[in-house]
Amino acid sequence: MNAKTDYERYITPETLATDQSLPIEQKLERLEGWAEDLNAGLRASGESMTSIDPGFTSALLQRVLACMEQLREAQGQDADR
């Protein structure tokens, strides 16, 4: 498995974001891969190339992006210390 698909073992983006066994950088890398894959699915759905549910995928993408934002904020706070 590579970092791009390492997110697949997590049920939710929140579970990945709170995984204490990973440093923030790895969490962000995995969440970025998840976001890229979700965006690709949405593009394909827009072109009728897949049967994914755009509403569900969009909601999941928002959750992934929210987790990324929270981690970046935490990362910035750690750097300020």
Protein backbone atom coordinates (compact mmCIF):
# COMPACT_ATOMS: atom_id res chain seq x y z
CA MET A 1 0.00 0.00 0.00
CA ASN A 2 1.15 3.54 -0.64
CA ALA A 3 0.22 6.72 1.19
CA LYS A 4 -2.37 7.60 -1.42
CA THR A 5 -4.48 4.55 -0.60
CA ASP A 6 -3.45 4.05 3.01
CA TYR A 7 -6.61 5.89 4.02
CA GLU A 8 -8.68 2.89 2.93
CA ARG A 9 -8.15 1.13 6.25
CA TYR A 10 -9.98 3.95 8.04
CA ILE A 11 -13.76 3.97 8.28
CA THR A 12 -13.98 7.76 8.47
CA PRO A 13 -11.65 10.69 7.87
CA GLU A 14 -12.09 11.59 11.53
CA THR A 15 -10.71 8.19 12.53
CA LEU A 16 -7.64 8.81 10.40
CA ALA A 17 -7.20 12.33 11.77
CA THR A 18 -7.25 11.09 15.37
CA ASP A 19 -4.97 8.07 14.84
CA GLN A 20 -2.35 8.56 17.53
CA SER A 21 0.10 6.23 15.79
CA LEU A 22 0.69 8.65 12.90
CA PRO A 23 2.42 12.03 12.84
CA ILE A 24 0.41 14.95 11.47
CA GLU A 25 2.39 14.96 8.22
CA GLN A 26 1.37 11.38 7.41
CA LYS A 27 -2.23 12.07 8.36
CA LEU A 28 -2.30 15.03 5.99
CA GLU A 29 -0.67 13.02 3.21
CA ARG A 30 -3.28 10.28 3.52
CA LEU A 31 -6.17 12.73 3.75
CA GLU A 32 -4.86 14.54 0.66
CA GLY A 33 -4.88 11.24 -1.22
CA TRP A 34 -8.41 10.57 -0.03
CA ALA A 35 -9.51 14.04 -1.21
CA GLU A 36 -7.85 13.51 -4.61
CA ASP A 37 -9.66 10.21 -5.08
CA LEU A 38 -13.00 11.71 -4.06
CA ASN A 39 -12.51 14.62 -6.47
CA ALA A 40 -11.66 12.18 -9.26
CA GLY A 41 -14.84 10.24 -8.50
CA LEU A 42 -16.90 13.43 -8.62
CA ARG A 43 -15.38 14.38 -11.98
CA ALA A 44 -16.11 10.93 -13.36
CA SER A 45 -19.65 11.09 -12.00
CA GLY A 46 -20.15 14.43 -13.73
CA GLU A 47 -19.16 12.76 -16.98
CA SER A 48 -21.47 9.79 -16.26
CA MET A 49 -18.46 7.49 -16.02
CA THR A 50 -19.29 6.07 -12.59
CA SER A 51 -22.27 5.24 -10.45
CA ILE A 52 -21.10 6.92 -7.25
CA ASP A 53 -23.55 9.05 -5.29
CA PRO A 54 -22.34 12.64 -5.80
CA GLY A 55 -24.18 13.87 -2.69
CA PHE A 56 -22.54 11.29 -0.43
CA THR A 57 -19.15 11.81 -2.05
CA SER A 58 -19.39 15.60 -1.71
CA ALA A 59 -20.32 15.28 1.96
CA LEU A 60 -17.42 12.90 2.59
CA LEU A 61 -15.06 15.25 0.75
CA GLN A 62 -16.15 18.10 3.01
CA ARG A 63 -15.37 15.96 6.05
CA VAL A 64 -11.93 15.07 4.66
CA LEU A 65 -11.19 18.75 3.97
CA ALA A 66 -12.38 19.74 7.46
CA CYS A 67 -10.03 17.17 9.02
CA MET A 68 -7.16 18.48 6.91
CA GLU A 69 -7.89 22.04 8.04
CA GLN A 70 -7.98 21.02 11.71
CA LEU A 71 -4.68 19.17 11.40
CA ARG A 72 -3.02 22.11 9.65
CA GLU A 73 -4.24 24.42 12.42
CA ALA A 74 -2.86 22.04 15.04
CA GLN A 75 0.39 21.82 13.11
CA GLY A 76 0.64 25.63 13.07
CA GLN A 77 -0.04 25.84 16.79
CA ASP A 78 2.70 23.29 17.49
CA ALA A 79 5.14 25.34 15.39
CA ASP A 80 4.32 28.47 17.40
CA ARG A 81 5.38 26.83 20.67
